Amino acid sequence: MPNFGQRFNKVFAVIIAAISGSLRAGSSNNALLRAAAKLAPEGVRVLLEEDLGKIPHFNPDLDFEGAQPPAPVATFRAFLSGADAVLICTPEYAHGVPGSLKNAFDWIVSSGELRGKAVGLILASPGGGEWARSSLTATLEVMEARLLPDTSISVRHARKAVDDEGNVLDDVLAEKIRSILVRLAEAARSDSEQSEVS
């Protein structure tokens, strides 16, 4: 599990959990998320989840109240719990999201780590990823995540979007990703301030 480190004292350090829907080695989705980490504004850290493939198939018999979840599931839950916002980058498979991503989210429906948390989406698909967006949106809504209207984009040529050094080659795309991170950070800081007041 990534080390969330220490938060800044003067500036609230927003932790954004980055989740790739692809398990493929050399995935353009992973590349986009690593690029997002480089584009993060001051006071924001983007941490990439890299063990999605280790999460076992969802089994309700292992997910009842008081049950000890499998270790990879516990790690994934802790990763999301320690984050202030979430950024998901996923391809589209068969008019939906990859099974590994949906499976991971099935494990947190009951535990609630995404409840009330701001979520941004990057759909990396030649066709635009609208089927994946629709499917993922429905799943996230069930988990009561907050999908902000201005934190979702489509990247049709993801493989050409990032160079070998992890830099976004298109200035317009880079600005869109940076804008998503800024908006997620603003939402997270607003949530923190409201929590302190209450």
N, C-alpha and C. Protein backbone atom coordinates (compact mmCIF):
# COMPACT_ATOMS: atom_id res chain seq x y z
N MET A 1 0.85 -1.20 0.00
CA MET A 1 0.00 0.00 0.00
C MET A 1 0.88 1.24 0.00
N PRO A 2 0.54 2.26 -0.78
CA PRO A 2 1.35 3.47 -0.82
C PRO A 2 1.45 4.12 0.55
N ASN A 3 2.57 4.79 0.79
CA ASN A 3 2.78 5.50 2.04
C ASN A 3 2.20 6.89 1.89
N PHE A 4 1.18 7.21 2.67
CA PHE A 4 0.53 8.50 2.54
C PHE A 4 1.38 9.62 3.11
N GLY A 5 2.37 9.27 3.92
CA GLY A 5 3.30 10.27 4.42
C GLY A 5 2.65 11.24 5.38
N GLN A 6 3.30 12.36 5.57
CA GLN A 6 2.84 13.35 6.53
C GLN A 6 2.20 14.53 5.81
N ARG A 7 1.09 15.01 6.32
CA ARG A 7 0.42 16.14 5.70
C ARG A 7 1.15 17.43 6.08
N PHE A 8 1.10 18.40 5.16
CA PHE A 8 1.74 19.68 5.43
C PHE A 8 1.00 20.39 6.55
N ASN A 9 1.71 21.23 7.30
CA ASN A 9 1.09 21.96 8.40
C ASN A 9 0.38 23.21 7.90
N LYS A 10 1.01 23.95 6.97
CA LYS A 10 0.46 25.22 6.53
C LYS A 10 -0.55 25.04 5.40
N VAL A 11 -0.32 24.10 4.53
CA VAL A 11 -1.22 23.85 3.41
C VAL A 11 -1.75 22.43 3.52
N PHE A 12 -3.06 22.30 3.49
CA PHE A 12 -3.65 20.98 3.59
C PHE A 12 -3.22 20.13 2.41
N ALA A 13 -2.51 19.05 2.69
CA ALA A 13 -2.01 18.18 1.61
C ALA A 13 -3.10 17.20 1.22
N VAL A 14 -3.66 17.39 0.05
CA VAL A 14 -4.72 16.51 -0.43
C VAL A 14 -4.10 15.26 -1.04
N ILE A 15 -4.59 14.11 -0.60
CA ILE A 15 -4.15 12.83 -1.15
C ILE A 15 -5.20 12.33 -2.12
N ILE A 16 -4.81 12.16 -3.37
CA ILE A 16 -5.73 11.63 -4.39
C ILE A 16 -5.30 10.21 -4.73
N ALA A 17 -6.17 9.25 -4.46
CA ALA A 17 -5.91 7.85 -4.79
C ALA A 17 -6.19 7.64 -6.27
N ALA A 18 -5.19 7.18 -7.00
CA ALA A 18 -5.33 6.96 -8.45
C ALA A 18 -5.47 5.47 -8.74
N ILE A 19 -6.52 5.10 -9.45
CA ILE A 19 -6.82 3.70 -9.72
C ILE A 19 -6.91 3.48 -11.22
N SER A 20 -6.13 2.55 -11.72
CA SER A 20 -6.17 2.19 -13.13
C SER A 20 -7.07 0.98 -13.34
N GLY A 21 -7.92 1.04 -14.37
CA GLY A 21 -8.79 -0.09 -14.67
C GLY A 21 -8.11 -1.15 -15.50
N SER A 22 -6.86 -0.94 -15.87
CA SER A 22 -6.15 -1.90 -16.71
C SER A 22 -5.05 -2.60 -15.93
N LEU A 23 -4.94 -3.91 -16.11
CA LEU A 23 -3.88 -4.70 -15.49
C LEU A 23 -2.72 -4.92 -16.46
N ARG A 24 -2.83 -4.44 -17.67
CA ARG A 24 -1.83 -4.70 -18.69
C ARG A 24 -0.50 -4.02 -18.38
N ALA A 25 0.59 -4.75 -18.54
CA ALA A 25 1.91 -4.15 -18.38
C ALA A 25 2.09 -3.10 -19.47
N GLY A 26 2.57 -1.95 -19.09
CA GLY A 26 2.73 -0.87 -20.06
C GLY A 26 1.42 -0.20 -20.42
N SER A 27 0.43 -0.33 -19.56
CA SER A 27 -0.89 0.25 -19.82
C SER A 27 -0.83 1.76 -20.00
N SER A 28 -1.55 2.26 -21.00
CA SER A 28 -1.63 3.71 -21.20
C SER A 28 -2.43 4.36 -20.07
N ASN A 29 -3.32 3.59 -19.44
CA ASN A 29 -4.07 4.12 -18.29
C ASN A 29 -3.12 4.40 -17.13
N ASN A 30 -2.22 3.46 -16.87
CA ASN A 30 -1.22 3.69 -15.82
C ASN A 30 -0.34 4.88 -16.17
N ALA A 31 0.02 4.98 -17.45
CA ALA A 31 0.88 6.07 -17.89
C ALA A 31 0.18 7.42 -17.68
N LEU A 32 -1.09 7.48 -17.96
CA LEU A 32 -1.84 8.73 -17.76
C LEU A 32 -1.90 9.10 -16.27
N LEU A 33 -2.05 8.10 -15.41
CA LEU A 33 -2.11 8.39 -13.98
C LEU A 33 -0.75 8.82 -13.43
N ARG A 34 0.32 8.20 -13.93
CA ARG A 34 1.66 8.65 -13.52
C ARG A 34 1.91 10.08 -14.02
N ALA A 35 1.41 10.37 -15.21
CA ALA A 35 1.53 11.73 -15.72
C ALA A 35 0.73 12.70 -14.86
N ALA A 36 -0.44 12.27 -14.41
CA ALA A 36 -1.27 13.10 -13.54
C ALA A 36 -0.52 13.43 -12.24
N ALA A 37 0.22 12.47 -11.74
CA ALA A 37 1.00 12.70 -10.52
C ALA A 37 2.03 13.81 -10.73
N LYS A 38 2.60 13.86 -11.93
CA LYS A 38 3.59 14.90 -12.24
C LYS A 38 2.93 16.26 -12.44
N LEU A 39 1.65 16.25 -12.81
CA LEU A 39 0.92 17.49 -13.05
C LEU A 39 0.25 18.03 -11.79
N ALA A 40 0.32 17.30 -10.70
CA ALA A 40 -0.38 17.70 -9.47
C ALA A 40 0.10 19.06 -8.98
N PRO A 41 -0.83 19.94 -8.63
CA PRO A 41 -0.45 21.26 -8.12
C PRO A 41 0.12 21.17 -6.71
N GLU A 42 0.67 22.26 -6.24
CA GLU A 42 1.25 22.28 -4.91
C GLU A 42 0.20 21.90 -3.86
N GLY A 43 0.59 21.09 -2.91
CA GLY A 43 -0.33 20.67 -1.86
C GLY A 43 -1.19 19.49 -2.22
N VAL A 44 -0.90 18.86 -3.37
CA VAL A 44 -1.68 17.70 -3.82
C VAL A 44 -0.73 16.57 -4.16
N ARG A 45 -1.02 15.37 -3.65
CA ARG A 45 -0.24 14.18 -3.99
C ARG A 45 -1.15 13.15 -4.64
N VAL A 46 -0.71 12.61 -5.76
CA VAL A 46 -1.44 11.55 -6.46
C VAL A 46 -0.69 10.26 -6.25
N LEU A 47 -1.35 9.29 -5.63
CA LEU A 47 -0.73 8.00 -5.32
C LEU A 47 -1.42 6.90 -6.12
N LEU A 48 -0.63 6.13 -6.84
CA LEU A 48 -1.17 5.11 -7.75
C LEU A 48 -1.32 3.76 -7.05
N GLU A 49 -2.52 3.19 -7.14
CA GLU A 49 -2.79 1.85 -6.64
C GLU A 49 -2.25 0.87 -7.68
N GLU A 50 -1.41 -0.07 -7.23
CA GLU A 50 -0.73 -0.95 -8.20
C GLU A 50 -0.99 -2.44 -7.96
N ASP A 51 -1.93 -2.78 -7.09
CA ASP A 51 -2.16 -4.19 -6.76
C ASP A 51 -3.58 -4.65 -7.04
N LEU A 52 -4.25 -4.00 -7.99
CA LEU A 52 -5.64 -4.36 -8.27
C LEU A 52 -5.76 -5.83 -8.68
N GLY A 53 -4.76 -6.34 -9.39
CA GLY A 53 -4.81 -7.71 -9.86
C GLY A 53 -4.71 -8.75 -8.75
N LYS A 54 -4.30 -8.33 -7.56
CA LYS A 54 -4.18 -9.27 -6.45
C LYS A 54 -5.48 -9.45 -5.67
N ILE A 55 -6.46 -8.60 -5.95
CA ILE A 55 -7.73 -8.68 -5.23
C ILE A 55 -8.51 -9.90 -5.72
N PRO A 56 -8.92 -10.79 -4.83
CA PRO A 56 -9.63 -12.02 -5.26
C PRO A 56 -11.04 -11.73 -5.75
N HIS A 57 -11.63 -12.71 -6.41
CA HIS A 57 -13.01 -12.57 -6.84
C HIS A 57 -13.90 -12.28 -5.64
N PHE A 58 -14.84 -11.36 -5.84
CA PHE A 58 -15.74 -11.01 -4.74
C PHE A 58 -16.57 -12.22 -4.32
N ASN A 59 -16.63 -12.43 -3.01
CA ASN A 59 -17.39 -13.55 -2.44
C ASN A 59 -18.15 -13.04 -1.22
N PRO A 60 -19.48 -12.95 -1.30
CA PRO A 60 -20.27 -12.46 -0.17
C PRO A 60 -20.05 -13.26 1.11
N ASP A 61 -19.65 -14.52 0.98
CA ASP A 61 -19.41 -15.34 2.17
C ASP A 61 -18.20 -14.83 2.97
N LEU A 62 -17.37 -14.02 2.33
CA LEU A 62 -16.20 -13.46 3.01
C LEU A 62 -16.37 -11.99 3.35
N ASP A 63 -17.58 -11.47 3.12
CA ASP A 63 -17.81 -10.03 3.28
C ASP A 63 -18.98 -9.72 4.20
N PHE A 64 -19.18 -10.54 5.21
CA PHE A 64 -20.27 -10.29 6.15
C PHE A 64 -19.74 -9.44 7.30
N GLU A 65 -20.65 -8.89 8.11
CA GLU A 65 -20.27 -8.01 9.22
C GLU A 65 -19.37 -8.75 10.20
N GLY A 66 -18.24 -8.14 10.51
CA GLY A 66 -17.29 -8.73 11.45
C GLY A 66 -16.28 -9.66 10.80
N ALA A 67 -16.43 -9.92 9.49
CA ALA A 67 -15.51 -10.83 8.81
C ALA A 67 -14.16 -10.16 8.59
N GLN A 68 -13.10 -10.95 8.59
CA GLN A 68 -11.77 -10.47 8.26
C GLN A 68 -11.58 -10.60 6.75
N PRO A 69 -11.47 -9.49 6.02
CA PRO A 69 -11.37 -9.60 4.56
C PRO A 69 -10.01 -10.14 4.13
N PRO A 70 -9.91 -10.69 2.94
CA PRO A 70 -8.61 -11.10 2.41
C PRO A 70 -7.63 -9.93 2.46
N ALA A 71 -6.37 -10.22 2.65
CA ALA A 71 -5.36 -9.17 2.83
C ALA A 71 -5.36 -8.13 1.70
N PRO A 72 -5.42 -8.54 0.41
CA PRO A 72 -5.43 -7.53 -0.64
C PRO A 72 -6.65 -6.61 -0.59
N VAL A 73 -7.77 -7.15 -0.12
CA VAL A 73 -8.98 -6.34 0.03
C VAL A 73 -8.81 -5.34 1.16
N ALA A 74 -8.25 -5.78 2.28
CA ALA A 74 -8.00 -4.88 3.40
C ALA A 74 -7.05 -3.75 2.99
N THR A 75 -6.05 -4.10 2.19
CA THR A 75 -5.09 -3.10 1.72
C THR A 75 -5.78 -2.08 0.81
N PHE A 76 -6.63 -2.56 -0.09
CA PHE A 76 -7.34 -1.67 -1.00
C PHE A 76 -8.28 -0.75 -0.23
N ARG A 77 -8.97 -1.28 0.75
CA ARG A 77 -9.87 -0.47 1.56
C ARG A 77 -9.10 0.61 2.32
N ALA A 78 -7.94 0.25 2.87
CA ALA A 78 -7.13 1.20 3.61
C ALA A 78 -6.60 2.29 2.68
N PHE A 79 -6.24 1.90 1.47
CA PHE A 79 -5.74 2.85 0.47
C PHE A 79 -6.80 3.92 0.18
N LEU A 80 -8.04 3.48 -0.04
CA LEU A 80 -9.12 4.42 -0.32
C LEU A 80 -9.49 5.23 0.91
N SER A 81 -9.49 4.60 2.06
CA SER A 81 -9.84 5.29 3.29
C SER A 81 -8.85 6.41 3.61
N GLY A 82 -7.59 6.20 3.29
CA GLY A 82 -6.57 7.19 3.58
C GLY A 82 -6.51 8.33 2.59
N ALA A 83 -7.28 8.25 1.52
CA ALA A 83 -7.27 9.29 0.49
C ALA A 83 -8.41 10.28 0.71
N ASP A 84 -8.21 11.49 0.19
CA ASP A 84 -9.22 12.54 0.31
C ASP A 84 -10.12 12.59 -0.93
N ALA A 85 -9.63 12.09 -2.04
CA ALA A 85 -10.38 12.05 -3.29
C ALA A 85 -9.82 10.91 -4.13
N VAL A 86 -10.51 10.60 -5.21
CA VAL A 86 -10.12 9.45 -6.03
C VAL A 86 -10.14 9.84 -7.51
N LEU A 87 -9.14 9.38 -8.25
CA LEU A 87 -9.09 9.56 -9.69
C LEU A 87 -8.99 8.19 -10.35
N ILE A 88 -9.94 7.88 -11.21
CA ILE A 88 -9.99 6.59 -11.89
C ILE A 88 -9.69 6.79 -13.37
N CYS A 89 -8.78 6.00 -13.90
CA CYS A 89 -8.51 6.02 -15.34
C CYS A 89 -8.73 4.60 -15.86
N THR A 90 -9.64 4.44 -16.79
CA THR A 90 -9.99 3.09 -17.22
C THR A 90 -10.26 3.00 -18.72
N PRO A 91 -9.95 1.86 -19.30
CA PRO A 91 -10.37 1.61 -20.69
C PRO A 91 -11.82 1.14 -20.68
N GLU A 92 -12.33 0.89 -21.86
CA GLU A 92 -13.67 0.32 -21.99
C GLU A 92 -13.55 -1.07 -22.60
N TYR A 93 -14.14 -2.06 -21.92
CA TYR A 93 -14.14 -3.44 -22.42
C TYR A 93 -15.57 -3.89 -22.62
N ALA A 94 -15.90 -4.35 -23.81
CA ALA A 94 -17.22 -4.93 -24.07
C ALA A 94 -18.36 -4.06 -23.55
N HIS A 95 -18.30 -2.77 -23.88
CA HIS A 95 -19.34 -1.81 -23.47
C HIS A 95 -19.45 -1.68 -21.95
N GLY A 96 -18.36 -1.81 -21.24
CA GLY A 96 -18.37 -1.65 -19.79
C GLY A 96 -16.97 -1.44 -19.27
N VAL A 97 -16.81 -1.53 -17.95
CA VAL A 97 -15.50 -1.39 -17.35
C VAL A 97 -14.85 -2.76 -17.23
N PRO A 98 -13.53 -2.83 -17.15
CA PRO A 98 -12.86 -4.12 -16.97
C PRO A 98 -13.35 -4.83 -15.72
N GLY A 99 -13.42 -6.16 -15.78
CA GLY A 99 -13.93 -6.93 -14.66
C GLY A 99 -13.11 -6.75 -13.39
N SER A 100 -11.79 -6.56 -13.52
CA SER A 100 -10.94 -6.40 -12.34
C SER A 100 -11.31 -5.14 -11.57
N LEU A 101 -11.67 -4.08 -12.28
CA LEU A 101 -12.05 -2.83 -11.61
C LEU A 101 -13.40 -2.97 -10.92
N LYS A 102 -14.37 -3.53 -11.64
CA LYS A 102 -15.70 -3.74 -11.04
C LYS A 102 -15.60 -4.67 -9.84
N ASN A 103 -14.77 -5.71 -9.93
CA ASN A 103 -14.59 -6.64 -8.83
C ASN A 103 -14.04 -5.94 -7.58
N ALA A 104 -13.06 -5.06 -7.79
CA ALA A 104 -12.48 -4.33 -6.66
C ALA A 104 -13.53 -3.47 -5.97
N PHE A 105 -14.37 -2.83 -6.76
CA PHE A 105 -15.40 -1.98 -6.17
C PHE A 105 -16.49 -2.80 -5.49
N ASP A 106 -16.75 -4.01 -5.98
CA ASP A 106 -17.72 -4.87 -5.31
C ASP A 106 -17.33 -5.11 -3.85
N TRP A 107 -16.02 -5.17 -3.59
CA TRP A 107 -15.53 -5.43 -2.23
C TRP A 107 -15.73 -4.24 -1.29
N ILE A 108 -15.98 -3.05 -1.83
CA ILE A 108 -16.12 -1.89 -0.93
C ILE A 108 -17.53 -1.33 -0.88
N VAL A 109 -18.46 -2.02 -1.53
CA VAL A 109 -19.86 -1.58 -1.45
C VAL A 109 -20.32 -1.56 0.00
N SER A 110 -20.03 -2.61 0.74
CA SER A 110 -20.50 -2.71 2.12
C SER A 110 -19.65 -1.92 3.10
N SER A 111 -18.36 -1.76 2.80
CA SER A 111 -17.47 -1.09 3.75
C SER A 111 -17.48 0.43 3.63
N GLY A 112 -17.85 0.97 2.46
CA GLY A 112 -18.15 2.39 2.33
C GLY A 112 -17.00 3.37 2.23
N GLU A 113 -15.83 2.94 1.76
CA GLU A 113 -14.69 3.85 1.69
C GLU A 113 -14.88 5.00 0.69
N LEU A 114 -15.79 4.86 -0.26
CA LEU A 114 -16.01 5.92 -1.24
C LEU A 114 -17.19 6.82 -0.88
N ARG A 115 -17.86 6.52 0.20
CA ARG A 115 -19.06 7.29 0.56
C ARG A 115 -18.73 8.77 0.79
N GLY A 116 -19.34 9.63 -0.02
CA GLY A 116 -19.14 11.06 0.11
C GLY A 116 -17.84 11.59 -0.46
N LYS A 117 -17.02 10.72 -1.04
CA LYS A 117 -15.69 11.12 -1.52
C LYS A 117 -15.78 11.59 -2.97
N ALA A 118 -15.09 12.69 -3.28
CA ALA A 118 -15.08 13.23 -4.64
C ALA A 118 -14.28 12.30 -5.56
N VAL A 119 -14.84 12.04 -6.75
CA VAL A 119 -14.22 11.13 -7.70
C VAL A 119 -14.13 11.77 -9.08
N GLY A 120 -12.97 11.62 -9.72
CA GLY A 120 -12.79 12.08 -11.08
C GLY A 120 -12.57 10.89 -12.01
N LEU A 121 -12.94 11.02 -13.28
CA LEU A 121 -12.83 9.92 -14.23
C LEU A 121 -12.06 10.34 -15.47
N ILE A 122 -11.15 9.46 -15.90
CA ILE A 122 -10.50 9.60 -17.20
C ILE A 122 -10.84 8.33 -17.98
N LEU A 123 -11.55 8.45 -19.09
CA LEU A 123 -11.93 7.31 -19.91
C LEU A 123 -10.96 7.24 -21.08
N ALA A 124 -10.06 6.26 -21.03
CA ALA A 124 -9.05 6.10 -22.09
C ALA A 124 -9.53 5.05 -23.08
N SER A 125 -10.23 5.49 -24.10
CA SER A 125 -10.82 4.55 -25.06
C SER A 125 -10.92 5.20 -26.43
N PRO A 126 -10.56 4.47 -27.49
CA PRO A 126 -10.66 5.03 -28.84
C PRO A 126 -12.06 5.50 -29.19
N GLY A 127 -13.07 4.84 -28.60
CA GLY A 127 -14.45 5.21 -28.89
C GLY A 127 -15.02 6.26 -27.96
N GLY A 128 -14.22 6.73 -27.02
CA GLY A 128 -14.69 7.76 -26.10
C GLY A 128 -15.07 7.24 -24.72
N GLY A 129 -15.38 5.93 -24.63
CA GLY A 129 -15.63 5.32 -23.33
C GLY A 129 -16.97 5.64 -22.69
N GLU A 130 -17.97 6.02 -23.50
CA GLU A 130 -19.26 6.40 -22.90
C GLU A 130 -19.97 5.23 -22.23
N TRP A 131 -19.82 4.01 -22.78
CA TRP A 131 -20.43 2.85 -22.13
C TRP A 131 -19.75 2.60 -20.78
N ALA A 132 -18.43 2.71 -20.75
CA ALA A 132 -17.71 2.53 -19.49
C ALA A 132 -18.10 3.61 -18.50
N ARG A 133 -18.23 4.85 -18.97
CA ARG A 133 -18.62 5.95 -18.10
C ARG A 133 -19.98 5.69 -17.46
N SER A 134 -20.92 5.24 -18.29
CA SER A 134 -22.27 4.97 -17.79
C SER A 134 -22.26 3.85 -16.76
N SER A 135 -21.55 2.77 -17.06
CA SER A 135 -21.47 1.63 -16.15
C SER A 135 -20.80 2.01 -14.84
N LEU A 136 -19.68 2.72 -14.94
CA LEU A 136 -18.93 3.10 -13.75
C LEU A 136 -19.69 4.11 -12.91
N THR A 137 -20.37 5.03 -13.58
CA THR A 137 -21.17 6.03 -12.86
C THR A 137 -22.24 5.36 -12.02
N ALA A 138 -22.92 4.38 -12.59
CA ALA A 138 -23.97 3.67 -11.85
C ALA A 138 -23.39 2.97 -10.62
N THR A 139 -22.23 2.35 -10.78
CA THR A 139 -21.59 1.66 -9.65
C THR A 139 -21.19 2.64 -8.57
N LEU A 140 -20.59 3.76 -8.96
CA LEU A 140 -20.14 4.75 -7.98
C LEU A 140 -21.30 5.41 -7.26
N GLU A 141 -22.40 5.60 -7.97
CA GLU A 141 -23.59 6.19 -7.33
C GLU A 141 -24.15 5.27 -6.26
N VAL A 142 -24.12 3.96 -6.52
CA VAL A 142 -24.58 3.00 -5.52
C VAL A 142 -23.73 3.11 -4.25
N MET A 143 -22.43 3.38 -4.44
CA MET A 143 -21.52 3.49 -3.30
C MET A 143 -21.51 4.90 -2.70
N GLU A 144 -22.39 5.78 -3.21
CA GLU A 144 -22.56 7.14 -2.70
C GLU A 144 -21.29 7.99 -2.84
N ALA A 145 -20.50 7.68 -3.87
CA ALA A 145 -19.36 8.55 -4.18
C ALA A 145 -19.90 9.82 -4.84
N ARG A 146 -19.11 10.88 -4.80
CA ARG A 146 -19.52 12.15 -5.40
C ARG A 146 -18.81 12.35 -6.74
N LEU A 147 -19.56 12.19 -7.80
CA LEU A 147 -19.03 12.40 -9.14
C LEU A 147 -19.28 13.85 -9.53
N LEU A 148 -18.22 14.63 -9.53
CA LEU A 148 -18.35 16.05 -9.86
C LEU A 148 -18.47 16.20 -11.37
N PRO A 149 -19.35 17.06 -11.85
CA PRO A 149 -19.62 17.15 -13.30
C PRO A 149 -18.42 17.62 -14.12
N ASP A 150 -17.49 18.34 -13.51
CA ASP A 150 -16.36 18.88 -14.27
C ASP A 150 -15.07 18.12 -14.01
N THR A 151 -15.18 16.86 -13.60
CA THR A 151 -13.98 16.06 -13.33
C THR A 151 -14.00 14.74 -14.11
N SER A 152 -14.48 14.80 -15.33
CA SER A 152 -14.55 13.60 -16.16
C SER A 152 -14.19 13.97 -17.60
N ILE A 153 -13.21 13.25 -18.17
CA ILE A 153 -12.80 13.51 -19.55
C ILE A 153 -12.60 12.19 -20.29
N SER A 154 -12.61 12.26 -21.61
CA SER A 154 -12.31 11.12 -22.46
C SER A 154 -11.00 11.37 -23.19
N VAL A 155 -10.17 10.32 -23.29
CA VAL A 155 -8.91 10.41 -24.03
C VAL A 155 -8.96 9.33 -25.10
N ARG A 156 -9.13 9.72 -26.34
CA ARG A 156 -9.32 8.75 -27.43
C ARG A 156 -8.01 8.14 -27.94
N HIS A 157 -6.92 8.83 -27.78
CA HIS A 157 -5.63 8.33 -28.28
C HIS A 157 -4.63 8.29 -27.13
N ALA A 158 -4.96 7.50 -26.11
CA ALA A 158 -4.19 7.48 -24.88
C ALA A 158 -2.75 7.04 -25.09
N ARG A 159 -2.53 6.10 -26.01
CA ARG A 159 -1.18 5.57 -26.21
C ARG A 159 -0.22 6.63 -26.76
N LYS A 160 -0.78 7.62 -27.43
CA LYS A 160 0.05 8.68 -27.99
C LYS A 160 0.07 9.92 -27.10
N ALA A 161 -0.62 9.85 -25.96
CA ALA A 161 -0.78 11.05 -25.14
C ALA A 161 0.38 11.31 -24.20
N VAL A 162 1.14 10.24 -23.86
CA VAL A 162 2.21 10.36 -22.85
C VAL A 162 3.50 9.82 -23.44
N ASP A 163 4.62 10.54 -23.21
CA ASP A 163 5.91 10.07 -23.72
C ASP A 163 6.57 9.10 -22.75
N ASP A 164 7.75 8.62 -23.07
CA ASP A 164 8.44 7.61 -22.26
C ASP A 164 8.85 8.15 -20.89
N GLU A 165 8.94 9.47 -20.76
CA GLU A 165 9.31 10.08 -19.48
C GLU A 165 8.10 10.40 -18.61
N GLY A 166 6.92 10.04 -19.11
CA GLY A 166 5.71 10.27 -18.32
C GLY A 166 5.17 11.68 -18.42
N ASN A 167 5.45 12.36 -19.52
CA ASN A 167 4.94 13.72 -19.74
C ASN A 167 3.79 13.68 -20.74
N VAL A 168 2.75 14.43 -20.44
CA VAL A 168 1.63 14.54 -21.38
C VAL A 168 2.07 15.41 -22.55
N LEU A 169 1.90 14.90 -23.76
CA LEU A 169 2.39 15.58 -24.95
C LEU A 169 1.46 16.67 -25.45
N ASP A 170 0.20 16.54 -25.14
CA ASP A 170 -0.81 17.50 -25.59
C ASP A 170 -1.07 18.51 -24.48
N ASP A 171 -0.78 19.79 -24.73
CA ASP A 171 -0.95 20.82 -23.71
C ASP A 171 -2.40 20.95 -23.26
N VAL A 172 -3.33 20.77 -24.20
CA VAL A 172 -4.75 20.89 -23.86
C VAL A 172 -5.14 19.76 -22.90
N LEU A 173 -4.70 18.53 -23.19
CA LEU A 173 -4.99 17.40 -22.32
C LEU A 173 -4.34 17.59 -20.96
N ALA A 174 -3.09 18.06 -20.95
CA ALA A 174 -2.40 18.29 -19.68
C ALA A 174 -3.18 19.27 -18.81
N GLU A 175 -3.71 20.31 -19.42
CA GLU A 175 -4.48 21.30 -18.67
C GLU A 175 -5.79 20.71 -18.16
N LYS A 176 -6.40 19.84 -18.96
CA LYS A 176 -7.64 19.19 -18.51
C LYS A 176 -7.38 18.31 -17.29
N ILE A 177 -6.28 17.54 -17.33
CA ILE A 177 -5.95 16.68 -16.20
C ILE A 177 -5.63 17.52 -14.96
N ARG A 178 -4.86 18.58 -15.16
CA ARG A 178 -4.52 19.46 -14.04
C ARG A 178 -5.78 20.08 -13.44
N SER A 179 -6.73 20.43 -14.31
CA SER A 179 -7.99 21.03 -13.85
C SER A 179 -8.78 20.04 -13.00
N ILE A 180 -8.78 18.76 -13.40
CA ILE A 180 -9.46 17.73 -12.61
C ILE A 180 -8.84 17.64 -11.22
N LEU A 181 -7.51 17.64 -11.16
CA LEU A 181 -6.83 17.53 -9.88
C LEU A 181 -7.13 18.73 -8.98
N VAL A 182 -7.16 19.91 -9.58
CA VAL A 182 -7.48 21.12 -8.81
C VAL A 182 -8.89 21.04 -8.27
N ARG A 183 -9.82 20.61 -9.10
CA ARG A 183 -11.23 20.53 -8.67
C ARG A 183 -11.41 19.48 -7.58
N LEU A 184 -10.75 18.33 -7.70
CA LEU A 184 -10.83 17.31 -6.66
C LEU A 184 -10.24 17.82 -5.35
N ALA A 185 -9.13 18.55 -5.45
CA ALA A 185 -8.49 19.10 -4.25
C ALA A 185 -9.40 20.13 -3.58
N GLU A 186 -10.04 20.97 -4.38
CA GLU A 186 -10.96 21.96 -3.82
C GLU A 186 -12.11 21.29 -3.09
N ALA A 187 -12.65 20.23 -3.69
CA ALA A 187 -13.76 19.51 -3.06
C ALA A 187 -13.31 18.86 -1.76
N ALA A 188 -12.10 18.28 -1.76
CA ALA A 188 -11.58 17.62 -0.56
C ALA A 188 -11.34 18.63 0.55
N ARG A 189 -10.78 19.79 0.21
CA ARG A 189 -10.52 20.82 1.22
C ARG A 189 -11.83 21.35 1.78
N SER A 190 -12.84 21.51 0.91
CA SER A 190 -14.15 21.98 1.37
C SER A 190 -14.77 20.95 2.34
N ASP A 191 -14.64 19.68 2.01
CA ASP A 191 -15.15 18.63 2.89
C ASP A 191 -14.45 18.68 4.24
N SER A 192 -13.13 18.91 4.23
CA SER A 192 -12.35 18.94 5.47
C SER A 192 -12.79 20.13 6.34
N GLU A 193 -13.00 21.29 5.70
CA GLU A 193 -13.41 22.46 6.44
C GLU A 193 -14.79 22.28 7.06
N GLN A 194 -15.71 21.69 6.30
CA GLN A 194 -17.05 21.44 6.83
C GLN A 194 -17.00 20.45 7.97
N SER A 195 -16.13 19.45 7.87
CA SER A 195 -15.99 18.46 8.93
C SER A 195 -15.47 19.10 10.21
N GLU A 196 -14.52 20.03 10.07
CA GLU A 196 -13.97 20.71 11.24
C GLU A 196 -15.01 21.58 11.92
N VAL A 197 -15.86 22.24 11.11
CA VAL A 197 -16.90 23.11 11.66
C VAL A 197 -17.94 22.32 12.42
N SER A 198 -18.31 21.17 11.84
CA SER A 198 -19.33 20.34 12.48
C SER A 198 -18.76 19.59 13.67
